[in-house]
Every structure is written in structure tokens, then in C-alpha cells.
PDB file of all heavy atoms in Angstrom:
ATOM      1  N   LEU A   1     172.657  15.096  49.141  1.00  0.00           N
ATOM      2  CA  LEU A   1     172.814  16.462  49.549  1.00  0.00           C
ATOM      3  C   LEU A   1     172.934  16.715  51.000  1.00  0.00           C
ATOM      4  O   LEU A   1     173.716  17.403  51.557  1.00  0.00           O
ATOM      5  CB  LEU A   1     171.630  17.345  48.968  1.00  0.00           C
ATOM      6  CG  LEU A   1     171.722  17.753  47.559  1.00  0.00           C
ATOM      7  CD1 LEU A   1     170.437  18.468  47.131  1.00  0.00           C
ATOM      8  CD2 LEU A   1     172.923  18.715  47.301  1.00  0.00           C
ATOM      9  N   ILE A   2     172.102  15.874  51.729  1.00  0.00           N
ATOM     10  CA  ILE A   2     172.165  15.966  53.188  1.00  0.00           C
ATOM     11  C   ILE A   2     173.443  15.446  53.717  1.00  0.00           C
ATOM     12  O   ILE A   2     174.053  15.983  54.639  1.00  0.00           O
ATOM     13  CB  ILE A   2     170.943  15.205  53.832  1.00  0.00           C
ATOM     14  CG1 ILE A   2     169.614  15.953  53.453  1.00  0.00           C
ATOM     15  CG2 ILE A   2     171.111  15.092  55.291  1.00  0.00           C
ATOM     16  CD1 ILE A   2     168.375  15.174  53.802  1.00  0.00           C
ATOM     17  N   ARG A   3     173.962  14.407  53.097  1.00  0.00           N
ATOM     18  CA  ARG A   3     175.188  13.818  53.433  1.00  0.00           C
ATOM     19  C   ARG A   3     176.326  14.846  53.199  1.00  0.00           C
ATOM     20  O   ARG A   3     177.195  15.009  54.157  1.00  0.00           O
ATOM     21  CB  ARG A   3     175.527  12.633  52.644  1.00  0.00           C
ATOM     22  CG  ARG A   3     176.796  11.827  52.972  1.00  0.00           C
ATOM     23  CD  ARG A   3     177.989  12.165  52.159  1.00  0.00           C
ATOM     24  NE  ARG A   3     177.829  12.120  50.760  1.00  0.00           N
ATOM     25  CZ  ARG A   3     178.627  12.660  49.819  1.00  0.00           C
ATOM     26  NH1 ARG A   3     179.730  13.325  50.266  1.00  0.00           N
ATOM     27  NH2 ARG A   3     178.414  12.588  48.574  1.00  0.00           N
ATOM     28  N   LEU A   4     176.328  15.516  52.122  1.00  0.00           N
ATOM     29  CA  LEU A   4     177.263  16.557  51.799  1.00  0.00           C
ATOM     30  C   LEU A   4     177.254  17.737  52.754  1.00  0.00           C
ATOM     31  O   LEU A   4     178.184  18.253  53.226  1.00  0.00           O
ATOM     32  CB  LEU A   4     177.160  17.082  50.339  1.00  0.00           C
ATOM     33  CG  LEU A   4     178.153  17.952  49.726  1.00  0.00           C
ATOM     34  CD1 LEU A   4     179.506  17.259  49.681  1.00  0.00           C
ATOM     35  CD2 LEU A   4     177.730  18.430  48.332  1.00  0.00           C
ATOM     36  N   PHE A   5     176.012  18.118  53.090  1.00  0.00           N
ATOM     37  CA  PHE A   5     175.766  19.158  54.078  1.00  0.00           C
ATOM     38  C   PHE A   5     176.313  18.864  55.387  1.00  0.00           C
ATOM     39  O   PHE A   5     176.991  19.681  56.036  1.00  0.00           O
ATOM     40  CB  PHE A   5     174.269  19.434  54.090  1.00  0.00           C
ATOM     41  CG  PHE A   5     173.935  20.719  54.928  1.00  0.00           C
ATOM     42  CD1 PHE A   5     174.030  21.986  54.390  1.00  0.00           C
ATOM     43  CD2 PHE A   5     173.485  20.554  56.204  1.00  0.00           C
ATOM     44  CE1 PHE A   5     173.697  23.102  55.057  1.00  0.00           C
ATOM     45  CE2 PHE A   5     173.118  21.731  56.974  1.00  0.00           C
ATOM     46  CZ  PHE A   5     173.266  22.941  56.382  1.00  0.00           C
ATOM     47  N   ASN A   6     176.062  17.686  55.905  1.00  0.00           N
ATOM     48  CA  ASN A   6     176.500  17.230  57.224  1.00  0.00           C
ATOM     49  C   ASN A   6     178.068  17.131  57.328  1.00  0.00           C
ATOM     50  O   ASN A   6     178.631  17.256  58.391  1.00  0.00           O
ATOM     51  CB  ASN A   6     175.866  15.890  57.624  1.00  0.00           C
ATOM     52  CG  ASN A   6     174.429  15.990  57.903  1.00  0.00           C
ATOM     53  OD1 ASN A   6     173.939  17.050  58.307  1.00  0.00           O
ATOM     54  ND2 ASN A   6     173.663  14.941  57.709  1.00  0.00           N
ATOM     55  N   GLU A   7     178.675  16.868  56.152  1.00  0.00           N
ATOM     56  CA  GLU A   7     180.119  16.742  56.105  1.00  0.00           C
ATOM     57  C   GLU A   7     180.818  18.168  56.051  1.00  0.00           C
ATOM     58  O   GLU A   7     182.081  18.202  56.126  1.00  0.00           O
ATOM     59  CB  GLU A   7     180.639  15.936  54.916  1.00  0.00           C
ATOM     60  CG  GLU A   7     180.212  14.412  55.083  1.00  0.00           C
ATOM     61  CD  GLU A   7     180.556  13.709  53.795  1.00  0.00           C
ATOM     62  OE1 GLU A   7     181.009  14.320  52.814  1.00  0.00           O
ATOM     63  OE2 GLU A   7     180.309  12.395  53.743  1.00  0.00           O
ATOM     64  N   THR A   8     180.079  19.175  55.828  1.00  0.00           N
ATOM     65  CA  THR A   8     180.606  20.499  55.527  1.00  0.00           C
ATOM     66  C   THR A   8     180.650  21.332  56.830  1.00  0.00           C
ATOM     67  O   THR A   8     179.650  21.540  57.516  1.00  0.00           O
ATOM     68  CB  THR A   8     179.785  21.287  54.501  1.00  0.00           C
ATOM     69  OG1 THR A   8     179.781  20.487  53.317  1.00  0.00           O
ATOM     70  CG2 THR A   8     180.305  22.610  54.168  1.00  0.00           C
ATOM     71  N   ASP A   9     181.799  21.769  57.200  1.00  0.00           N
ATOM     72  CA  ASP A   9     182.068  22.667  58.262  1.00  0.00           C
ATOM     73  C   ASP A   9     182.153  24.055  57.729  1.00  0.00           C
ATOM     74  O   ASP A   9     183.138  24.495  57.156  1.00  0.00           O
ATOM     75  CB  ASP A   9     183.333  22.351  59.068  1.00  0.00           C
ATOM     76  CG  ASP A   9     183.544  23.296  60.224  1.00  0.00           C
ATOM     77  OD1 ASP A   9     182.681  24.180  60.505  1.00  0.00           O
ATOM     78  OD2 ASP A   9     184.641  23.174  60.804  1.00  0.00           O
ATOM     79  N   PRO A  10     181.118  24.971  57.922  1.00  0.00           N
ATOM     80  CA  PRO A  10     181.108  26.296  57.359  1.00  0.00           C
ATOM     81  C   PRO A  10     182.199  27.185  57.912  1.00  0.00           C
ATOM     82  O   PRO A  10     182.550  28.244  57.232  1.00  0.00           O
ATOM     83  CB  PRO A  10     179.712  26.873  57.735  1.00  0.00           C
ATOM     84  CG  PRO A  10     179.276  26.064  58.948  1.00  0.00           C
ATOM     85  CD  PRO A  10     179.944  24.708  58.786  1.00  0.00           C
ATOM     86  N   ASP A  11     182.790  26.858  59.004  1.00  0.00           N
ATOM     87  CA  ASP A  11     183.865  27.716  59.618  1.00  0.00           C
ATOM     88  C   ASP A  11     185.280  27.343  59.153  1.00  0.00           C
ATOM     89  O   ASP A  11     186.187  28.000  59.481  1.00  0.00           O
ATOM     90  CB  ASP A  11     183.825  27.598  61.138  1.00  0.00           C
ATOM     91  CG  ASP A  11     182.478  28.079  61.791  1.00  0.00           C
ATOM     92  OD1 ASP A  11     181.938  29.068  61.212  1.00  0.00           O
ATOM     93  OD2 ASP A  11     181.982  27.424  62.620  1.00  0.00           O
ATOM     94  N   ARG A  12     185.328  26.336  58.313  1.00  0.00           N
ATOM     95  CA  ARG A  12     186.665  25.818  57.837  1.00  0.00           C
ATOM     96  C   ARG A  12     187.307  26.807  56.837  1.00  0.00           C
ATOM     97  O   ARG A  12     188.485  27.228  57.053  1.00  0.00           O
ATOM     98  CB  ARG A  12     186.597  24.430  57.303  1.00  0.00           C
ATOM     99  CG  ARG A  12     187.997  23.835  57.112  1.00  0.00           C
ATOM    100  CD  ARG A  12     187.843  22.361  56.697  1.00  0.00           C
ATOM    101  NE  ARG A  12     187.295  22.262  55.348  1.00  0.00           N
ATOM    102  CZ  ARG A  12     187.164  21.067  54.705  1.00  0.00           C
ATOM    103  NH1 ARG A  12     187.408  19.925  55.370  1.00  0.00           N
ATOM    104  NH2 ARG A  12     186.643  20.998  53.480  1.00  0.00           N
ATOM    105  N   ASP A  13     186.620  27.141  55.794  1.00  0.00           N
ATOM    106  CA  ASP A  13     187.103  28.096  54.814  1.00  0.00           C
ATOM    107  C   ASP A  13     185.982  28.625  53.990  1.00  0.00           C
ATOM    108  O   ASP A  13     184.757  28.250  54.205  1.00  0.00           O
ATOM    109  CB  ASP A  13     188.104  27.348  53.839  1.00  0.00           C
ATOM    110  CG  ASP A  13     187.624  26.120  53.271  1.00  0.00           C
ATOM    111  OD1 ASP A  13     186.401  26.063  52.967  1.00  0.00           O
ATOM    112  OD2 ASP A  13     188.330  25.110  53.175  1.00  0.00           O
ATOM    113  N   ASP A  14     186.288  29.505  53.035  1.00  0.00           N
ATOM    114  CA  ASP A  14     185.195  30.153  52.227  1.00  0.00           C
ATOM    115  C   ASP A  14     184.465  29.134  51.353  1.00  0.00           C
ATOM    116  O   ASP A  14     183.225  29.208  51.132  1.00  0.00           O
ATOM    117  CB  ASP A  14     185.788  31.240  51.337  1.00  0.00           C
ATOM    118  CG  ASP A  14     186.265  32.468  52.115  1.00  0.00           C
ATOM    119  OD1 ASP A  14     185.812  32.583  53.291  1.00  0.00           O
ATOM    120  OD2 ASP A  14     187.062  33.267  51.549  1.00  0.00           O
ATOM    121  N   GLN A  15     185.163  28.157  50.793  1.00  0.00           N
ATOM    122  CA  GLN A  15     184.567  27.150  49.961  1.00  0.00           C
ATOM    123  C   GLN A  15     183.464  26.377  50.726  1.00  0.00           C
ATOM    124  O   GLN A  15     182.374  26.179  50.348  1.00  0.00           O
ATOM    125  CB  GLN A  15     185.568  26.155  49.443  1.00  0.00           C
ATOM    126  CG  GLN A  15     186.421  26.722  48.359  1.00  0.00           C
ATOM    127  CD  GLN A  15     185.801  26.630  46.953  1.00  0.00           C
ATOM    128  OE1 GLN A  15     184.723  25.932  46.772  1.00  0.00           O
ATOM    129  NE2 GLN A  15     186.256  27.399  45.999  1.00  0.00           N
ATOM    130  N   SER A  16     183.861  25.958  51.989  1.00  0.00           N
ATOM    131  CA  SER A  16     182.953  25.241  52.816  1.00  0.00           C
ATOM    132  C   SER A  16     181.774  26.081  53.248  1.00  0.00           C
ATOM    133  O   SER A  16     180.580  25.662  53.315  1.00  0.00           O
ATOM    134  CB  SER A  16     183.659  24.759  54.090  1.00  0.00           C
ATOM    135  OG  SER A  16     184.760  23.957  53.718  1.00  0.00           O
ATOM    136  N   MET A  17     181.991  27.303  53.546  1.00  0.00           N
ATOM    137  CA  MET A  17     180.918  28.293  53.936  1.00  0.00           C
ATOM    138  C   MET A  17     179.866  28.450  52.801  1.00  0.00           C
ATOM    139  O   MET A  17     178.701  28.423  53.023  1.00  0.00           O
ATOM    140  CB  MET A  17     181.504  29.597  54.309  1.00  0.00           C
ATOM    141  CG  MET A  17     180.433  30.630  54.809  1.00  0.00           C
ATOM    142  SD  MET A  17     181.158  32.239  55.064  1.00  0.00           S
ATOM    143  CE  MET A  17     181.631  32.723  53.517  1.00  0.00           C
ATOM    144  N   ASN A  18     180.444  28.596  51.616  1.00  0.00           N
ATOM    145  CA  ASN A  18     179.551  28.748  50.383  1.00  0.00           C
ATOM    146  C   ASN A  18     178.728  27.460  50.083  1.00  0.00           C
ATOM    147  O   ASN A  18     177.598  27.536  49.774  1.00  0.00           O
ATOM    148  CB  ASN A  18     180.368  29.126  49.197  1.00  0.00           C
ATOM    149  CG  ASN A  18     180.771  30.581  49.166  1.00  0.00           C
ATOM    150  OD1 ASN A  18     179.873  31.464  49.365  1.00  0.00           O
ATOM    151  ND2 ASN A  18     182.026  30.935  48.963  1.00  0.00           N
ATOM    152  N   ARG A  19     179.409  26.344  50.278  1.00  0.00           N
ATOM    153  CA  ARG A  19     178.782  25.056  50.075  1.00  0.00           C
ATOM    154  C   ARG A  19     177.627  24.865  51.107  1.00  0.00           C
ATOM    155  O   ARG A  19     176.523  24.545  50.711  1.00  0.00           O
ATOM    156  CB  ARG A  19     179.770  23.901  50.206  1.00  0.00           C
ATOM    157  CG  ARG A  19     179.189  22.513  49.811  1.00  0.00           C
ATOM    158  CD  ARG A  19     180.222  21.512  50.115  1.00  0.00           C
ATOM    159  NE  ARG A  19     181.516  21.863  49.518  1.00  0.00           N
ATOM    160  CZ  ARG A  19     182.728  21.332  49.925  1.00  0.00           C
ATOM    161  NH1 ARG A  19     182.658  20.467  50.869  1.00  0.00           N
ATOM    162  NH2 ARG A  19     183.810  21.656  49.305  1.00  0.00           N
ATOM    163  N   PHE A  20     177.887  25.213  52.355  1.00  0.00           N
ATOM    164  CA  PHE A  20     176.872  25.098  53.383  1.00  0.00           C
ATOM    165  C   PHE A  20     175.725  26.008  53.090  1.00  0.00           C
ATOM    166  O   PHE A  20     174.555  25.533  53.131  1.00  0.00           O
ATOM    167  CB  PHE A  20     177.575  25.543  54.698  1.00  0.00           C
ATOM    168  CG  PHE A  20     176.722  25.302  55.900  1.00  0.00           C
ATOM    169  CD1 PHE A  20     176.795  24.142  56.671  1.00  0.00           C
ATOM    170  CD2 PHE A  20     175.900  26.266  56.395  1.00  0.00           C
ATOM    171  CE1 PHE A  20     176.057  23.946  57.821  1.00  0.00           C
ATOM    172  CE2 PHE A  20     175.070  26.116  57.584  1.00  0.00           C
ATOM    173  CZ  PHE A  20     175.222  24.866  58.236  1.00  0.00           C
ATOM    174  N   PHE A  21     175.970  27.216  52.693  1.00  0.00           N
ATOM    175  CA  PHE A  21     174.934  28.210  52.424  1.00  0.00           C
ATOM    176  C   PHE A  21     174.051  27.751  51.239  1.00  0.00           C
ATOM    177  O   PHE A  21     172.814  27.758  51.241  1.00  0.00           O
ATOM    178  CB  PHE A  21     175.566  29.526  52.134  1.00  0.00           C
ATOM    179  CG  PHE A  21     174.566  30.591  51.612  1.00  0.00           C
ATOM    180  CD1 PHE A  21     173.660  31.204  52.474  1.00  0.00           C
ATOM    181  CD2 PHE A  21     174.560  30.886  50.256  1.00  0.00           C
ATOM    182  CE1 PHE A  21     172.805  32.188  51.963  1.00  0.00           C
ATOM    183  CE2 PHE A  21     173.643  31.837  49.734  1.00  0.00           C
ATOM    184  CZ  PHE A  21     172.782  32.467  50.578  1.00  0.00           C
ATOM    185  N   HIS A  22     174.648  27.336  50.062  1.00  0.00           N
ATOM    186  CA  HIS A  22     173.912  27.093  48.878  1.00  0.00           C
ATOM    187  C   HIS A  22     173.097  25.774  49.050  1.00  0.00           C
ATOM    188  O   HIS A  22     172.029  25.740  48.492  1.00  0.00           O
ATOM    189  CB  HIS A  22     174.933  26.978  47.666  1.00  0.00           C
ATOM    190  CG  HIS A  22     175.343  28.328  47.197  1.00  0.00           C
ATOM    191  ND1 HIS A  22     174.477  29.204  46.607  1.00  0.00           N
ATOM    192  CD2 HIS A  22     176.595  28.866  47.214  1.00  0.00           C
ATOM    193  CE1 HIS A  22     175.177  30.278  46.245  1.00  0.00           C
ATOM    194  NE2 HIS A  22     176.436  30.167  46.644  1.00  0.00           N
ATOM    195  N   ILE A  23     173.673  24.844  49.695  1.00  0.00           N
ATOM    196  CA  ILE A  23     172.824  23.609  49.913  1.00  0.00           C
ATOM    197  C   ILE A  23     171.594  23.922  50.754  1.00  0.00           C
ATOM    198  O   ILE A  23     170.503  23.424  50.459  1.00  0.00           O
ATOM    199  CB  ILE A  23     173.688  22.399  50.573  1.00  0.00           C
ATOM    200  CG1 ILE A  23     174.760  22.028  49.611  1.00  0.00           C
ATOM    201  CG2 ILE A  23     172.761  21.233  50.927  1.00  0.00           C
ATOM    202  CD1 ILE A  23     175.761  20.961  50.160  1.00  0.00           C
ATOM    203  N   GLN A  24     171.853  24.634  51.815  1.00  0.00           N
ATOM    204  CA  GLN A  24     170.670  25.057  52.731  1.00  0.00           C
ATOM    205  C   GLN A  24     169.621  25.903  51.891  1.00  0.00           C
ATOM    206  O   GLN A  24     168.450  25.601  52.045  1.00  0.00           O
ATOM    207  CB  GLN A  24     171.196  25.861  53.921  1.00  0.00           C
ATOM    208  CG  GLN A  24     170.162  26.146  54.917  1.00  0.00           C
ATOM    209  CD  GLN A  24     170.693  26.835  56.120  1.00  0.00           C
ATOM    210  OE1 GLN A  24     171.845  27.316  56.122  1.00  0.00           O
ATOM    211  NE2 GLN A  24     169.909  26.950  57.220  1.00  0.00           N
ATOM    212  N   GLN A  25     170.182  26.788  51.067  1.00  0.00           N
ATOM    213  CA  GLN A  25     169.211  27.612  50.326  1.00  0.00           C
ATOM    214  C   GLN A  25     168.450  26.812  49.183  1.00  0.00           C
ATOM    215  O   GLN A  25     167.405  27.226  48.770  1.00  0.00           O
ATOM    216  CB  GLN A  25     169.989  28.817  49.686  1.00  0.00           C
ATOM    217  CG  GLN A  25     170.475  29.842  50.727  1.00  0.00           C
ATOM    218  CD  GLN A  25     169.297  30.625  51.311  1.00  0.00           C
ATOM    219  OE1 GLN A  25     168.429  31.162  50.651  1.00  0.00           O
ATOM    220  NE2 GLN A  25     169.266  30.602  52.619  1.00  0.00           N
ATOM    221  N   SER A  26     169.100  25.778  48.719  1.00  0.00           N
ATOM    222  CA  SER A  26     168.513  25.019  47.594  1.00  0.00           C
ATOM    223  C   SER A  26     167.150  24.410  48.006  1.00  0.00           C
ATOM    224  O   SER A  26     166.250  24.264  47.190  1.00  0.00           O
ATOM    225  CB  SER A  26     169.518  23.949  47.154  1.00  0.00           C
ATOM    226  OG  SER A  26     169.677  23.026  48.210  1.00  0.00           O
ATOM    227  N   LEU A  27     166.963  24.165  49.280  1.00  0.00           N
ATOM    228  CA  LEU A  27     165.693  23.596  49.762  1.00  0.00           C
ATOM    229  C   LEU A  27     164.543  24.594  49.512  1.00  0.00           C
ATOM    230  O   LEU A  27     163.388  24.185  49.325  1.00  0.00           O
ATOM    231  CB  LEU A  27     165.783  23.337  51.242  1.00  0.00           C
ATOM    232  CG  LEU A  27     166.120  21.832  51.581  1.00  0.00           C
ATOM    233  CD1 LEU A  27     167.475  21.466  51.099  1.00  0.00           C
ATOM    234  CD2 LEU A  27     166.018  21.524  53.045  1.00  0.00           C
ATOM    235  N   LEU A  28     164.815  25.864  49.444  1.00  0.00           N
ATOM    236  CA  LEU A  28     163.858  26.874  49.236  1.00  0.00           C
ATOM    237  C   LEU A  28     163.360  26.929  47.760  1.00  0.00           C
ATOM    238  O   LEU A  28     162.373  27.594  47.419  1.00  0.00           O
ATOM    239  CB  LEU A  28     164.329  28.273  49.636  1.00  0.00           C
ATOM    240  CG  LEU A  28     164.876  28.344  51.021  1.00  0.00           C
ATOM    241  CD1 LEU A  28     165.329  29.836  51.292  1.00  0.00           C
ATOM    242  CD2 LEU A  28     163.818  28.031  52.140  1.00  0.00           C
ATOM    243  N   HIS A  29     164.039  26.255  46.940  1.00  0.00           N
ATOM    244  CA  HIS A  29     163.797  26.293  45.443  1.00  0.00           C
ATOM    245  C   HIS A  29     163.245  24.942  44.920  1.00  0.00           C
ATOM    246  O   HIS A  29     162.641  24.882  43.862  1.00  0.00           O
ATOM    247  CB  HIS A  29     165.031  26.603  44.627  1.00  0.00           C
ATOM    248  CG  HIS A  29     165.527  27.983  45.005  1.00  0.00           C
ATOM    249  ND1 HIS A  29     165.076  29.167  44.426  1.00  0.00           N
ATOM    250  CD2 HIS A  29     166.544  28.380  45.886  1.00  0.00           C
ATOM    251  CE1 HIS A  29     165.768  30.205  44.971  1.00  0.00           C
ATOM    252  NE2 HIS A  29     166.587  29.735  45.809  1.00  0.00           N
ATOM    253  N   PHE A  30     163.448  23.817  45.652  1.00  0.00           N
ATOM    254  CA  PHE A  30     163.063  22.575  45.267  1.00  0.00           C
ATOM    255  C   PHE A  30     161.489  22.401  45.315  1.00  0.00           C
ATOM    256  O   PHE A  30     160.853  23.073  46.173  1.00  0.00           O
ATOM    257  CB  PHE A  30     163.656  21.427  46.050  1.00  0.00           C
ATOM    258  CG  PHE A  30     165.168  21.296  45.846  1.00  0.00           C
ATOM    259  CD1 PHE A  30     165.970  20.713  46.853  1.00  0.00           C
ATOM    260  CD2 PHE A  30     165.780  21.692  44.692  1.00  0.00           C
ATOM    261  CE1 PHE A  30     167.285  20.592  46.737  1.00  0.00           C
ATOM    262  CE2 PHE A  30     167.156  21.523  44.574  1.00  0.00           C
ATOM    263  CZ  PHE A  30     167.874  20.983  45.513  1.00  0.00           C
ATOM    264  N   PRO A  31     160.853  21.610  44.473  1.00  0.00           N
ATOM    265  CA  PRO A  31     159.435  21.376  44.542  1.00  0.00           C
ATOM    266  C   PRO A  31     159.062  20.933  45.922  1.00  0.00           C
ATOM    267  O   PRO A  31     159.680  20.033  46.480  1.00  0.00           O
ATOM    268  CB  PRO A  31     159.134  20.277  43.478  1.00  0.00           C
ATOM    269  CG  PRO A  31     160.263  20.430  42.501  1.00  0.00           C
ATOM    270  CD  PRO A  31     161.457  20.847  43.302  1.00  0.00           C
ATOM    271  N   ILE A  32     158.021  21.465  46.457  1.00  0.00           N
ATOM    272  CA  ILE A  32     157.576  21.158  47.881  1.00  0.00           C
ATOM    273  C   ILE A  32     157.198  19.736  48.086  1.00  0.00           C
ATOM    274  O   ILE A  32     157.446  19.152  49.209  1.00  0.00           O
ATOM    275  CB  ILE A  32     156.416  22.152  48.291  1.00  0.00           C
ATOM    276  CG1 ILE A  32     156.253  22.196  49.787  1.00  0.00           C
ATOM    277  CG2 ILE A  32     155.080  21.660  47.654  1.00  0.00           C
ATOM    278  CD1 ILE A  32     157.472  22.929  50.396  1.00  0.00           C
ATOM    279  N   GLN A  33     156.642  19.012  46.999  1.00  0.00           N
ATOM    280  CA  GLN A  33     156.345  17.639  47.170  1.00  0.00           C
ATOM    281  C   GLN A  33     157.523  16.745  47.491  1.00  0.00           C
ATOM    282  O   GLN A  33     157.437  15.790  48.298  1.00  0.00           O
ATOM    283  CB  GLN A  33     155.575  17.113  45.910  1.00  0.00           C
ATOM    284  CG  GLN A  33     154.308  17.817  45.561  1.00  0.00           C
ATOM    285  CD  GLN A  33     154.478  19.131  44.815  1.00  0.00           C
ATOM    286  OE1 GLN A  33     155.649  19.604  44.510  1.00  0.00           O
ATOM    287  NE2 GLN A  33     153.352  19.696  44.456  1.00  0.00           N
ATOM    288  N   ILE A  34     158.625  17.121  46.851  1.00  0.00           N
ATOM    289  CA  ILE A  34     159.866  16.303  47.112  1.00  0.00           C
ATOM    290  C   ILE A  34     160.374  16.564  48.561  1.00  0.00           C
ATOM    291  O   ILE A  34     160.814  15.593  49.195  1.00  0.00           O
ATOM    292  CB  ILE A  34     160.945  16.728  46.096  1.00  0.00           C
ATOM    293  CG1 ILE A  34     160.498  16.261  44.688  1.00  0.00           C
ATOM    294  CG2 ILE A  34     162.329  16.172  46.429  1.00  0.00           C
ATOM    295  CD1 ILE A  34     161.430  16.812  43.584  1.00  0.00           C
ATOM    296  N   LEU A  35     160.301  17.800  49.021  1.00  0.00           N
ATOM    297  CA  LEU A  35     160.686  18.085  50.347  1.00  0.00           C
ATOM    298  C   LEU A  35     159.799  17.342  51.389  1.00  0.00           C
ATOM    299  O   LEU A  35     160.278  16.824  52.371  1.00  0.00           O
ATOM    300  CB  LEU A  35     160.689  19.660  50.618  1.00  0.00           C
ATOM    301  CG  LEU A  35     161.562  20.467  49.757  1.00  0.00           C
ATOM    302  CD1 LEU A  35     161.463  21.944  50.071  1.00  0.00           C
ATOM    303  CD2 LEU A  35     163.044  20.034  49.860  1.00  0.00           C
ATOM    304  N   ILE A  36     158.571  17.406  51.161  1.00  0.00           N
ATOM    305  CA  ILE A  36     157.597  16.760  52.074  1.00  0.00           C
ATOM    306  C   ILE A  36     157.808  15.232  52.071  1.00  0.00           C
ATOM    307  O   ILE A  36     157.820  14.643  53.189  1.00  0.00           O
ATOM    308  CB  ILE A  36     156.143  17.060  51.699  1.00  0.00           C
ATOM    309  CG1 ILE A  36     155.821  18.495  51.941  1.00  0.00           C
ATOM    310  CG2 ILE A  36     155.165  16.209  52.475  1.00  0.00           C
ATOM    311  CD1 ILE A  36     154.476  19.020  51.395  1.00  0.00           C
ATOM    312  N   SER A  37     158.101  14.646  50.952  1.00  0.00           N
ATOM    313  CA  SER A  37     158.311  13.162  50.919  1.00  0.00           C
ATOM    314  C   SER A  37     159.622  12.810  51.613  1.00  0.00           C
ATOM    315  O   SER A  37     159.840  11.620  51.940  1.00  0.00           O
ATOM    316  CB  SER A  37     158.266  12.702  49.542  1.00  0.00           C
ATOM    317  OG  SER A  37     159.384  13.203  48.692  1.00  0.00           O
ATOM    318  N   ASN A  38     160.480  13.685  51.752  1.00  0.00           N
ATOM    319  CA  ASN A  38     161.801  13.537  52.453  1.00  0.00           C
ATOM    320  C   ASN A  38     161.930  14.266  53.784  1.00  0.00           C
ATOM    321  O   ASN A  38     162.984  14.446  54.313  1.00  0.00           O
ATOM    322  CB  ASN A  38     162.925  13.899  51.554  1.00  0.00           C
ATOM    323  CG  ASN A  38     163.196  12.994  50.345  1.00  0.00           C
ATOM    324  OD1 ASN A  38     163.798  11.892  50.469  1.00  0.00           O
ATOM    325  ND2 ASN A  38     162.545  13.344  49.227  1.00  0.00           N
ATOM    326  N   GLU A  39     160.742  14.642  54.326  1.00  0.00           N
ATOM    327  CA  GLU A  39     160.810  15.439  55.536  1.00  0.00           C
ATOM    328  C   GLU A  39     161.494  14.836  56.701  1.00  0.00           C
ATOM    329  O   GLU A  39     162.235  15.442  57.488  1.00  0.00           O
ATOM    330  CB  GLU A  39     159.310  15.780  55.931  1.00  0.00           C
ATOM    331  CG  GLU A  39     159.246  16.741  57.177  1.00  0.00           C
ATOM    332  CD  GLU A  39     157.876  17.211  57.391  1.00  0.00           C
ATOM    333  OE1 GLU A  39     156.906  16.849  56.709  1.00  0.00           O
ATOM    334  OE2 GLU A  39     157.679  18.040  58.349  1.00  0.00           O
ATOM    335  N   LYS A  40     161.323  13.525  56.909  1.00  0.00           N
ATOM    336  CA  LYS A  40     161.915  12.834  58.005  1.00  0.00           C
ATOM    337  C   LYS A  40     163.505  12.977  58.052  1.00  0.00           C
ATOM    338  O   LYS A  40     164.015  13.373  59.087  1.00  0.00           O
ATOM    339  CB  LYS A  40     161.554  11.371  58.009  1.00  0.00           C
ATOM    340  CG  LYS A  40     160.173  11.038  58.488  1.00  0.00           C
ATOM    341  CD  LYS A  40     159.840   9.615  58.562  1.00  0.00           C
ATOM    342  CE  LYS A  40     158.441   9.413  59.150  1.00  0.00           C
ATOM    343  NZ  LYS A  40     158.086   7.873  59.150  1.00  0.00           N
ATOM    344  N   ILE A  41     164.095  12.721  56.953  1.00  0.00           N
ATOM    345  CA  ILE A  41     165.552  12.825  56.958  1.00  0.00           C
ATOM    346  C   ILE A  41     166.094  14.267  56.998  1.00  0.00           C
ATOM    347  O   ILE A  41     167.132  14.551  57.503  1.00  0.00           O
ATOM    348  CB  ILE A  41     166.201  12.062  55.742  1.00  0.00           C
ATOM    349  CG1 ILE A  41     165.700  12.602  54.425  1.00  0.00           C
ATOM    350  CG2 ILE A  41     166.004  10.549  55.863  1.00  0.00           C
ATOM    351  CD1 ILE A  41     166.504  12.027  53.239  1.00  0.00           C
ATOM    352  N   ILE A  42     165.271  15.176  56.447  1.00  0.00           N
ATOM    353  CA  ILE A  42     165.649  16.587  56.461  1.00  0.00           C
ATOM    354  C   ILE A  42     165.595  17.159  57.872  1.00  0.00           C
ATOM    355  O   ILE A  42     166.402  17.944  58.317  1.00  0.00           O
ATOM    356  CB  ILE A  42     164.633  17.413  55.506  1.00  0.00           C
ATOM    357  CG1 ILE A  42     164.930  17.091  54.088  1.00  0.00           C
ATOM    358  CG2 ILE A  42     164.902  18.895  55.738  1.00  0.00           C
ATOM    359  CD1 ILE A  42     163.933  17.672  53.129  1.00  0.00           C
TER     360      ILE A  42
END
């Protein structure tokens, strides 16, 4: 997901902007333990 996020330019088109937004927002819904265990790369 981080790889896909880094490859996405939100200013390129609507698809890219939506992809950028939804990947970023997904972190707010994932279990906190998974986010903490991956904190360094995030």
C-alpha cells in the first residue's frame, strides 16, 4: 500500500487523486496494532 501510495501523484487526474485519498484514509480504519508494528515504514 505504501508503495502504491508513493507511486501516486494526486495532481495527475481524478483516479490518482481518489487513490491517494483512500489509501491515506485507510490507515484510520486498520487495527492500531498493525499500524504500530509498521510505524517505521509509515
